């Protein structure tokens, strides 16, 4: 079913990717150089990049992607008095 509609799917995938790039470049115009993104900007970036990745994978391969956020507890290695000072762990696991 992918073959007859491959050209429109490529157009849709690249359009989604271009839209993501445009949104990210607009957000970067309003951020101080070298400053990390936080708050609403970080949430928008997270949402837009997840959408773009799902769109490109779905349109080009017909497959899907599942995004899972997990809470990680490092007390076993860092001691019982350790307190989490970040929102999410910075790890990306991919199987391809």
PDB file of N, CA and C in Angstrom:
ATOM      1  N   UNK A   1       0.812  -1.207   0.000  1.00  0.00           N
ATOM      2  CA  UNK A   1       0.000   0.000   0.000  1.00  0.00           C
ATOM      3  C   UNK A   1       0.857   1.274   0.000  1.00  0.00           C
ATOM      4  N   UNK A   2       2.126   1.133   0.318  1.00  0.00           N
ATOM      5  CA  UNK A   2       2.986   2.323   0.358  1.00  0.00           C
ATOM      6  C   UNK A   2       3.354   2.823  -1.038  1.00  0.00           C
ATOM      7  N   UNK A   3       3.557   1.902  -1.973  1.00  0.00           N
ATOM      8  CA  UNK A   3       4.087   2.277  -3.288  1.00  0.00           C
ATOM      9  C   UNK A   3       3.225   3.269  -4.068  1.00  0.00           C
ATOM     10  N   UNK A   4       1.908   3.082  -4.202  1.00  0.00           N
ATOM     11  CA  UNK A   4       1.135   4.020  -5.026  1.00  0.00           C
ATOM     12  C   UNK A   4       1.110   5.446  -4.467  1.00  0.00           C
ATOM     13  N   UNK A   5       1.273   5.571  -3.169  1.00  0.00           N
ATOM     14  CA  UNK A   5       1.164   6.884  -2.535  1.00  0.00           C
ATOM     15  C   UNK A   5       2.514   7.383  -2.018  1.00  0.00           C
ATOM     16  N   UNK A   6       3.596   6.866  -2.544  1.00  0.00           N
ATOM     17  CA  UNK A   6       4.918   7.211  -2.015  1.00  0.00           C
ATOM     18  C   UNK A   6       5.271   8.685  -2.227  1.00  0.00           C
ATOM     19  N   UNK A   7       5.003   9.230  -3.403  1.00  0.00           N
ATOM     20  CA  UNK A   7       5.354  10.629  -3.659  1.00  0.00           C
ATOM     21  C   UNK A   7       4.604  11.583  -2.724  1.00  0.00           C
ATOM     22  N   UNK A   8       3.267  11.460  -2.560  1.00  0.00           N
ATOM     23  CA  UNK A   8       2.584  12.337  -1.599  1.00  0.00           C
ATOM     24  C   UNK A   8       3.069  12.139  -0.168  1.00  0.00           C
ATOM     25  N   UNK A   9       3.417  10.901   0.185  1.00  0.00           N
ATOM     26  CA  UNK A   9       3.903  10.638   1.545  1.00  0.00           C
ATOM     27  C   UNK A   9       5.253  11.318   1.770  1.00  0.00           C
ATOM     28  N   UNK A  10       6.114  11.319   0.756  1.00  0.00           N
ATOM     29  CA  UNK A  10       7.410  12.005   0.879  1.00  0.00           C
ATOM     30  C   UNK A  10       7.193  13.509   1.051  1.00  0.00           C
ATOM     31  N   UNK A  11       6.266  14.063   0.277  1.00  0.00           N
ATOM     32  CA  UNK A  11       5.963  15.498   0.387  1.00  0.00           C
ATOM     33  C   UNK A  11       5.449  15.831   1.788  1.00  0.00           C
ATOM     34  N   UNK A  12       4.531  15.024   2.312  1.00  0.00           N
ATOM     35  CA  UNK A  12       3.976  15.265   3.649  1.00  0.00           C
ATOM     36  C   UNK A  12       5.068  15.146   4.710  1.00  0.00           C
ATOM     37  N   UNK A  13       5.917  14.122   4.588  1.00  0.00           N
ATOM     38  CA  UNK A  13       6.982  13.922   5.577  1.00  0.00           C
ATOM     39  C   UNK A  13       7.950  15.103   5.592  1.00  0.00           C
ATOM     40  N   UNK A  14       8.404  15.531   4.421  1.00  0.00           N
ATOM     41  CA  UNK A  14       9.347  16.648   4.370  1.00  0.00           C
ATOM     42  C   UNK A  14       8.686  17.970   4.753  1.00  0.00           C
ATOM     43  N   UNK A  15       7.406  18.115   4.472  1.00  0.00           N
ATOM     44  CA  UNK A  15       6.688  19.325   4.894  1.00  0.00           C
ATOM     45  C   UNK A  15       6.610  19.399   6.412  1.00  0.00           C
ATOM     46  N   UNK A  16       6.335  18.267   7.049  1.00  0.00           N
ATOM     47  CA  UNK A  16       6.319  18.227   8.514  1.00  0.00           C
ATOM     48  C   UNK A  16       7.680  18.535   9.103  1.00  0.00           C
ATOM     49  N   UNK A  17       8.719  18.007   8.471  1.00  0.00           N
ATOM     50  CA  UNK A  17      10.077  18.269   8.922  1.00  0.00           C
ATOM     51  C   UNK A  17      10.433  19.744   8.754  1.00  0.00           C
ATOM     52  N   UNK A  18      10.028  20.335   7.636  1.00  0.00           N
ATOM     53  CA  UNK A  18      10.287  21.761   7.387  1.00  0.00           C
ATOM     54  C   UNK A  18       9.527  22.631   8.387  1.00  0.00           C
ATOM     55  N   UNK A  19       8.288  22.258   8.696  1.00  0.00           N
ATOM     56  CA  UNK A  19       7.503  23.007   9.677  1.00  0.00           C
ATOM     57  C   UNK A  19       8.162  22.944  11.052  1.00  0.00           C
ATOM     58  N   UNK A  20       8.652  21.772  11.423  1.00  0.00           N
ATOM     59  CA  UNK A  20       9.364  21.623  12.696  1.00  0.00           C
ATOM     60  C   UNK A  20      10.599  22.520  12.722  1.00  0.00           C
ATOM     61  N   UNK A  21      11.361  22.521  11.644  1.00  0.00           N
ATOM     62  CA  UNK A  21      12.561  23.363  11.570  1.00  0.00           C
ATOM     63  C   UNK A  21      12.210  24.841  11.668  1.00  0.00           C
ATOM     64  N   UNK A  22      11.129  25.242  11.025  1.00  0.00           N
ATOM     65  CA  UNK A  22      10.697  26.644  11.081  1.00  0.00           C
ATOM     66  C   UNK A  22      10.301  27.031  12.512  1.00  0.00           C
ATOM     67  N   UNK A  23       9.527  26.186  13.178  1.00  0.00           N
ATOM     68  CA  UNK A  23       9.102  26.482  14.557  1.00  0.00           C
ATOM     69  C   UNK A  23      10.313  26.570  15.477  1.00  0.00           C
ATOM     70  N   UNK A  24      11.254  25.639  15.334  1.00  0.00           N
ATOM     71  CA  UNK A  24      12.448  25.670  16.184  1.00  0.00           C
ATOM     72  C   UNK A  24      13.309  26.900  15.917  1.00  0.00           C
ATOM     73  N   UNK A  25      13.398  27.319  14.659  1.00  0.00           N
ATOM     74  CA  UNK A  25      14.190  28.521  14.367  1.00  0.00           C
ATOM     75  C   UNK A  25      13.505  29.773  14.905  1.00  0.00           C
ATOM     76  N   UNK A  26      12.181  29.822  14.868  1.00  0.00           N
ATOM     77  CA  UNK A  26      11.460  30.963  15.437  1.00  0.00           C
ATOM     78  C   UNK A  26      11.635  31.015  16.954  1.00  0.00           C
ATOM     79  N   UNK A  27      11.595  29.863  17.614  1.00  0.00           N
ATOM     80  CA  UNK A  27      11.804  29.836  19.063  1.00  0.00           C
ATOM     81  C   UNK A  27      13.226  30.264  19.418  1.00  0.00           C
ATOM     82  N   UNK A  28      14.186  29.895  18.584  1.00  0.00           N
ATOM     83  CA  UNK A  28      15.573  30.259  18.886  1.00  0.00           C
ATOM     84  C   UNK A  28      15.817  31.755  18.732  1.00  0.00           C
ATOM     85  N   UNK A  29      14.990  32.436  17.943  1.00  0.00           N
ATOM     86  CA  UNK A  29      15.138  33.892  17.794  1.00  0.00           C
ATOM     87  C   UNK A  29      14.828  34.628  19.095  1.00  0.00           C
ATOM     88  N   UNK A  30      13.980  34.020  19.941  1.00  0.00           N
ATOM     89  CA  UNK A  30      13.561  34.677  21.177  1.00  0.00           C
ATOM     90  C   UNK A  30      14.279  34.134  22.400  1.00  0.00           C
ATOM     91  N   UNK A  31      15.342  33.389  22.202  1.00  0.00           N
ATOM     92  CA  UNK A  31      16.101  32.837  23.320  1.00  0.00           C
ATOM     93  C   UNK A  31      17.488  33.467  23.329  1.00  0.00           C
ATOM     94  N   UNK A  32      17.999  33.765  24.521  1.00  0.00           N
ATOM     95  CA  UNK A  32      19.341  34.332  24.627  1.00  0.00           C
ATOM     96  C   UNK A  32      20.364  33.321  24.138  1.00  0.00           C
ATOM     97  N   UNK A  33      21.378  33.798  23.453  1.00  0.00           N
ATOM     98  CA  UNK A  33      22.420  32.931  22.902  1.00  0.00           C
ATOM     99  C   UNK A  33      23.141  32.198  24.036  1.00  0.00           C
ATOM    100  N   UNK A  34      23.182  30.885  23.958  1.00  0.00           N
ATOM    101  CA  UNK A  34      23.865  30.076  24.963  1.00  0.00           C
ATOM    102  C   UNK A  34      23.004  29.697  26.152  1.00  0.00           C
ATOM    103  N   UNK A  35      21.832  30.303  26.288  1.00  0.00           N
ATOM    104  CA  UNK A  35      20.957  29.993  27.417  1.00  0.00           C
ATOM    105  C   UNK A  35      20.134  28.739  27.103  1.00  0.00           C
ATOM    106  N   UNK A  36      19.918  27.873  28.094  1.00  0.00           N
ATOM    107  CA  UNK A  36      19.121  26.674  27.846  1.00  0.00           C
ATOM    108  C   UNK A  36      17.633  27.014  27.685  1.00  0.00           C
ATOM    109  N   UNK A  37      16.935  26.204  26.937  1.00  0.00           N
ATOM    110  CA  UNK A  37      15.488  26.379  26.801  1.00  0.00           C
ATOM    111  C   UNK A  37      14.820  25.811  28.042  1.00  0.00           C
ATOM    112  N   UNK A  38      13.824  26.522  28.562  1.00  0.00           N
ATOM    113  CA  UNK A  38      13.125  26.039  29.747  1.00  0.00           C
ATOM    114  C   UNK A  38      11.665  26.468  29.675  1.00  0.00           C
ATOM    115  N   UNK A  39      10.860  25.877  30.530  1.00  0.00           N
ATOM    116  CA  UNK A  39       9.449  26.239  30.619  1.00  0.00           C
ATOM    117  C   UNK A  39       8.665  25.889  29.375  1.00  0.00           C
ATOM    118  N   UNK A  40       7.855  26.848  28.929  1.00  0.00           N
ATOM    119  CA  UNK A  40       6.974  26.631  27.788  1.00  0.00           C
ATOM    120  C   UNK A  40       7.757  26.372  26.503  1.00  0.00           C
ATOM    121  N   UNK A  41       8.866  27.063  26.312  1.00  0.00           N
ATOM    122  CA  UNK A  41       9.683  26.844  25.107  1.00  0.00           C
ATOM    123  C   UNK A  41      10.177  25.404  25.044  1.00  0.00           C
ATOM    124  N   UNK A  42      10.647  24.881  26.165  1.00  0.00           N
ATOM    125  CA  UNK A  42      11.132  23.494  26.197  1.00  0.00           C
ATOM    126  C   UNK A  42       9.996  22.520  25.914  1.00  0.00           C
ATOM    127  N   UNK A  43       8.807  22.790  26.452  1.00  0.00           N
ATOM    128  CA  UNK A  43       7.650  21.924  26.194  1.00  0.00           C
ATOM    129  C   UNK A  43       7.253  21.956  24.721  1.00  0.00           C
ATOM    130  N   UNK A  44       7.290  23.133  24.114  1.00  0.00           N
ATOM    131  CA  UNK A  44       6.955  23.258  22.686  1.00  0.00           C
ATOM    132  C   UNK A  44       7.977  22.503  21.848  1.00  0.00           C
ATOM    133  N   UNK A  45       9.253  22.641  22.168  1.00  0.00           N
ATOM    134  CA  UNK A  45      10.308  21.946  21.428  1.00  0.00           C
ATOM    135  C   UNK A  45      10.131  20.436  21.547  1.00  0.00           C
ATOM    136  N   UNK A  46       9.847  19.961  22.752  1.00  0.00           N
ATOM    137  CA  UNK A  46       9.646  18.528  22.968  1.00  0.00           C
ATOM    138  C   UNK A  46       8.458  18.015  22.149  1.00  0.00           C
ATOM    139  N   UNK A  47       7.352  18.748  22.153  1.00  0.00           N
ATOM    140  CA  UNK A  47       6.159  18.339  21.405  1.00  0.00           C
ATOM    141  C   UNK A  47       6.413  18.344  19.897  1.00  0.00           C
ATOM    142  N   UNK A  48       7.017  19.418  19.395  1.00  0.00           N
ATOM    143  CA  UNK A  48       7.238  19.563  17.952  1.00  0.00           C
ATOM    144  C   UNK A  48       8.201  18.492  17.429  1.00  0.00           C
ATOM    145  N   UNK A  49       9.280  18.215  18.159  1.00  0.00           N
ATOM    146  CA  UNK A  49      10.230  17.208  17.688  1.00  0.00           C
ATOM    147  C   UNK A  49       9.631  15.803  17.734  1.00  0.00           C
ATOM    148  N   UNK A  50       8.813  15.512  18.751  1.00  0.00           N
ATOM    149  CA  UNK A  50       8.133  14.209  18.788  1.00  0.00           C
ATOM    150  C   UNK A  50       7.175  14.070  17.608  1.00  0.00           C
ATOM    151  N   UNK A  51       6.440  15.132  17.314  1.00  0.00           N
ATOM    152  CA  UNK A  51       5.510  15.098  16.183  1.00  0.00           C
ATOM    153  C   UNK A  51       6.258  14.911  14.867  1.00  0.00           C
ATOM    154  N   UNK A  52       7.342  15.647  14.683  1.00  0.00           N
ATOM    155  CA  UNK A  52       8.102  15.553  13.439  1.00  0.00           C
ATOM    156  C   UNK A  52       8.684  14.150  13.263  1.00  0.00           C
ATOM    157  N   UNK A  53       9.230  13.568  14.326  1.00  0.00           N
ATOM    158  CA  UNK A  53       9.798  12.221  14.232  1.00  0.00           C
ATOM    159  C   UNK A  53       8.718  11.200  13.895  1.00  0.00           C
ATOM    160  N   UNK A  54       7.582  11.292  14.575  1.00  0.00           N
ATOM    161  CA  UNK A  54       6.481  10.360  14.294  1.00  0.00           C
ATOM    162  C   UNK A  54       5.981  10.526  12.871  1.00  0.00           C
ATOM    163  N   UNK A  55       5.858  11.758  12.412  1.00  0.00           N
ATOM    164  CA  UNK A  55       5.367  12.034  11.071  1.00  0.00           C
ATOM    165  C   UNK A  55       6.296  11.467  10.008  1.00  0.00           C
ATOM    166  N   UNK A  56       7.588  11.723  10.130  1.00  0.00           N
ATOM    167  CA  UNK A  56       8.547  11.247   9.128  1.00  0.00           C
ATOM    168  C   UNK A  56       8.587   9.718   9.104  1.00  0.00           C
ATOM    169  N   UNK A  57       8.642   9.093  10.264  1.00  0.00           N
ATOM    170  CA  UNK A  57       8.684   7.625  10.305  1.00  0.00           C
ATOM    171  C   UNK A  57       7.407   7.028   9.737  1.00  0.00           C
ATOM    172  N   UNK A  58       6.265   7.573  10.092  1.00  0.00           N
ATOM    173  CA  UNK A  58       5.000   7.043   9.593  1.00  0.00           C
ATOM    174  C   UNK A  58       4.850   7.248   8.092  1.00  0.00           C
ATOM    175  N   UNK A  59       5.195   8.427   7.598  1.00  0.00           N
ATOM    176  CA  UNK A  59       5.001   8.712   6.175  1.00  0.00           C
ATOM    177  C   UNK A  59       5.999   7.967   5.288  1.00  0.00           C
ATOM    178  N   UNK A  60       7.232   7.811   5.718  1.00  0.00           N
ATOM    179  CA  UNK A  60       8.231   7.190   4.853  1.00  0.00           C
ATOM    180  C   UNK A  60       8.277   5.667   4.966  1.00  0.00           C
ATOM    181  N   UNK A  61       7.917   5.113   6.117  1.00  0.00           N
ATOM    182  CA  UNK A  61       8.019   3.664   6.280  1.00  0.00           C
ATOM    183  C   UNK A  61       6.684   2.982   6.525  1.00  0.00           C
ATOM    184  N   UNK A  62       5.681   3.735   6.893  1.00  0.00           N
ATOM    185  CA  UNK A  62       4.399   3.124   7.243  1.00  0.00           C
ATOM    186  C   UNK A  62       4.397   2.574   8.656  1.00  0.00           C
ATOM    187  N   UNK A  63       5.514   2.709   9.347  1.00  0.00           N
ATOM    188  CA  UNK A  63       5.633   2.215  10.721  1.00  0.00           C
ATOM    189  C   UNK A  63       5.214   3.269  11.721  1.00  0.00           C
ATOM    190  N   UNK A  64       5.453   2.985  12.961  1.00  0.00           N
ATOM    191  CA  UNK A  64       5.105   3.942  14.007  1.00  0.00           C
ATOM    192  C   UNK A  64       6.223   3.970  15.047  1.00  0.00           C
ATOM    193  N   UNK A  65       6.158   4.953  15.908  1.00  0.00           N
ATOM    194  CA  UNK A  65       7.156   5.102  16.969  1.00  0.00           C
ATOM    195  C   UNK A  65       6.406   5.314  18.276  1.00  0.00           C
ATOM    196  N   UNK A  66       6.950   4.755  19.324  1.00  0.00           N
ATOM    197  CA  UNK A  66       6.344   4.896  20.642  1.00  0.00           C
ATOM    198  C   UNK A  66       7.317   5.633  21.554  1.00  0.00           C
ATOM    199  N   UNK A  67       6.849   6.697  22.183  1.00  0.00           N
ATOM    200  CA  UNK A  67       7.690   7.485  23.074  1.00  0.00           C
ATOM    201  C   UNK A  67       7.273   7.164  24.500  1.00  0.00           C
ATOM    202  N   UNK A  68       8.248   6.754  25.293  1.00  0.00           N
ATOM    203  CA  UNK A  68       7.977   6.358  26.661  1.00  0.00           C
ATOM    204  C   UNK A  68       8.854   7.176  27.605  1.00  0.00           C
ATOM    205  N   UNK A  69       8.261   7.802  28.577  1.00  0.00           N
ATOM    206  CA  UNK A  69       9.046   8.540  29.563  1.00  0.00           C
ATOM    207  C   UNK A  69       9.043   7.744  30.855  1.00  0.00           C
ATOM    208  N   UNK A  70      10.223   7.525  31.405  1.00  0.00           N
ATOM    209  CA  UNK A  70      10.350   6.719  32.616  1.00  0.00           C
ATOM    210  C   UNK A  70      11.010   7.526  33.722  1.00  0.00           C
ATOM    211  N   UNK A  71      10.603   7.240  34.932  1.00  0.00           N
ATOM    212  CA  UNK A  71      11.235   7.865  36.089  1.00  0.00           C
ATOM    213  C   UNK A  71      12.410   6.976  36.506  1.00  0.00           C
ATOM    214  N   UNK A  72      13.577   7.583  36.655  1.00  0.00           N
ATOM    215  CA  UNK A  72      14.784   6.844  36.985  1.00  0.00           C
ATOM    216  C   UNK A  72      15.215   7.207  38.397  1.00  0.00           C
ATOM    217  N   UNK A  73      15.526   6.185  39.208  1.00  0.00           N
ATOM    218  CA  UNK A  73      15.943   6.407  40.582  1.00  0.00           C
ATOM    219  C   UNK A  73      17.392   5.936  40.749  1.00  0.00           C
ATOM    220  N   UNK A  74      18.284   6.869  41.053  1.00  0.00           N
ATOM    221  CA  UNK A  74      19.707   6.560  41.181  1.00  0.00           C
ATOM    222  C   UNK A  74      20.142   6.375  42.637  1.00  0.00           C
ATOM    223  N   UNK A  75      19.207   6.271  43.580  1.00  0.00           N
ATOM    224  CA  UNK A  75      19.559   6.157  44.998  1.00  0.00           C
ATOM    225  C   UNK A  75      20.381   4.909  45.296  1.00  0.00           C
ATOM    226  N   UNK A  76      20.171   3.874  44.506  1.00  0.00           N
ATOM    227  CA  UNK A  76      20.928   2.631  44.712  1.00  0.00           C
ATOM    228  C   UNK A  76      22.427   2.889  44.564  1.00  0.00           C
ATOM    229  N   UNK A  77      22.809   3.747  43.633  1.00  0.00           N
ATOM    230  CA  UNK A  77      24.222   4.008  43.369  1.00  0.00           C
ATOM    231  C   UNK A  77      24.737   5.278  44.054  1.00  0.00           C
ATOM    232  N   UNK A  78      23.864   6.253  44.276  1.00  0.00           N
ATOM    233  CA  UNK A  78      24.309   7.544  44.815  1.00  0.00           C
ATOM    234  C   UNK A  78      24.016   7.730  46.301  1.00  0.00           C
ATOM    235  N   UNK A  79      23.368   6.773  46.914  1.00  0.00           N
ATOM    236  CA  UNK A  79      23.098   6.834  48.346  1.00  0.00           C
ATOM    237  C   UNK A  79      21.670   7.243  48.649  1.00  0.00           C
ATOM    238  N   UNK A  80      21.189   6.916  49.866  1.00  0.00           N
ATOM    239  CA  UNK A  80      19.785   7.180  50.220  1.00  0.00           C
ATOM    240  C   UNK A  80      19.456   8.659  50.394  1.00  0.00           C
ATOM    241  N   UNK A  81      20.444   9.513  50.603  1.00  0.00           N
ATOM    242  CA  UNK A  81      20.172  10.943  50.798  1.00  0.00           C
ATOM    243  C   UNK A  81      20.189  11.726  49.484  1.00  0.00           C
ATOM    244  N   UNK A  82      20.387  11.045  48.353  1.00  0.00           N
ATOM    245  CA  UNK A  82      20.406  11.711  47.054  1.00  0.00           C
ATOM    246  C   UNK A  82      19.010  12.174  46.666  1.00  0.00           C
ATOM    247  N   UNK A  83      18.894  13.392  46.152  1.00  0.00           N
ATOM    248  CA  UNK A  83      17.613  13.936  45.692  1.00  0.00           C
ATOM    249  C   UNK A  83      17.729  14.296  44.218  1.00  0.00           C
ATOM    250  N   UNK A  84      16.694  13.999  43.475  1.00  0.00           N
ATOM    251  CA  UNK A  84      16.676  14.271  42.044  1.00  0.00           C
ATOM    252  C   UNK A  84      16.635  15.778  41.798  1.00  0.00           C
ATOM    253  N   UNK A  85      17.542  16.264  40.938  1.00  0.00           N
ATOM    254  CA  UNK A  85      17.570  17.692  40.637  1.00  0.00           C
ATOM    255  C   UNK A  85      17.247  17.976  39.172  1.00  0.00           C
ATOM    256  N   UNK A  86      16.707  16.983  38.460  1.00  0.00           N
ATOM    257  CA  UNK A  86      16.345  17.163  37.062  1.00  0.00           C
ATOM    258  C   UNK A  86      14.979  16.549  36.814  1.00  0.00           C
ATOM    259  N   UNK A  87      14.342  16.977  35.731  1.00  0.00           N
ATOM    260  CA  UNK A  87      12.981  16.522  35.422  1.00  0.00           C
ATOM    261  C   UNK A  87      12.976  15.135  34.792  1.00  0.00           C
ATOM    262  N   UNK A  88      13.789  14.931  33.776  1.00  0.00           N
ATOM    263  CA  UNK A  88      13.823  13.657  33.062  1.00  0.00           C
ATOM    264  C   UNK A  88      15.262  13.206  32.860  1.00  0.00           C
ATOM    265  N   UNK A  89      15.452  11.913  32.752  1.00  0.00           N
ATOM    266  CA  UNK A  89      16.775  11.392  32.426  1.00  0.00           C
ATOM    267  C   UNK A  89      17.073  11.708  30.965  1.00  0.00           C
ATOM    268  N   UNK A  90      18.319  11.951  30.645  1.00  0.00           N
ATOM    269  CA  UNK A  90      18.674  12.307  29.277  1.00  0.00           C
ATOM    270  C   UNK A  90      19.225  11.103  28.554  1.00  0.00           C
ATOM    271  N   UNK A  91      18.353  10.172  28.216  1.00  0.00           N
ATOM    272  CA  UNK A  91      18.758   8.981  27.486  1.00  0.00           C
ATOM    273  C   UNK A  91      17.748   8.716  26.374  1.00  0.00           C
ATOM    274  N   UNK A  92      18.255   8.336  25.238  1.00  0.00           N
ATOM    275  CA  UNK A  92      17.405   7.961  24.110  1.00  0.00           C
ATOM    276  C   UNK A  92      17.794   6.543  23.727  1.00  0.00           C
ATOM    277  N   UNK A  93      16.817   5.654  23.758  1.00  0.00           N
ATOM    278  CA  UNK A  93      17.062   4.265  23.394  1.00  0.00           C
ATOM    279  C   UNK A  93      16.298   4.009  22.099  1.00  0.00           C
ATOM    280  N   UNK A  94      16.999   3.540  21.094  1.00  0.00           N
ATOM    281  CA  UNK A  94      16.352   3.289  19.801  1.00  0.00           C
ATOM    282  C   UNK A  94      16.734   1.901  19.306  1.00  0.00           C
ATOM    283  N   UNK A  95      15.798   1.248  18.687  1.00  0.00           N
ATOM    284  CA  UNK A  95      16.044  -0.049  18.079  1.00  0.00           C
ATOM    285  C   UNK A  95      15.775   0.092  16.591  1.00  0.00           C
ATOM    286  N   UNK A  96      16.800  -0.046  15.780  1.00  0.00           N
ATOM    287  CA  UNK A  96      16.607   0.096  14.341  1.00  0.00           C
ATOM    288  C   UNK A  96      17.372  -0.909  13.546  1.00  0.00           C
TER     289      UNK A  96
END
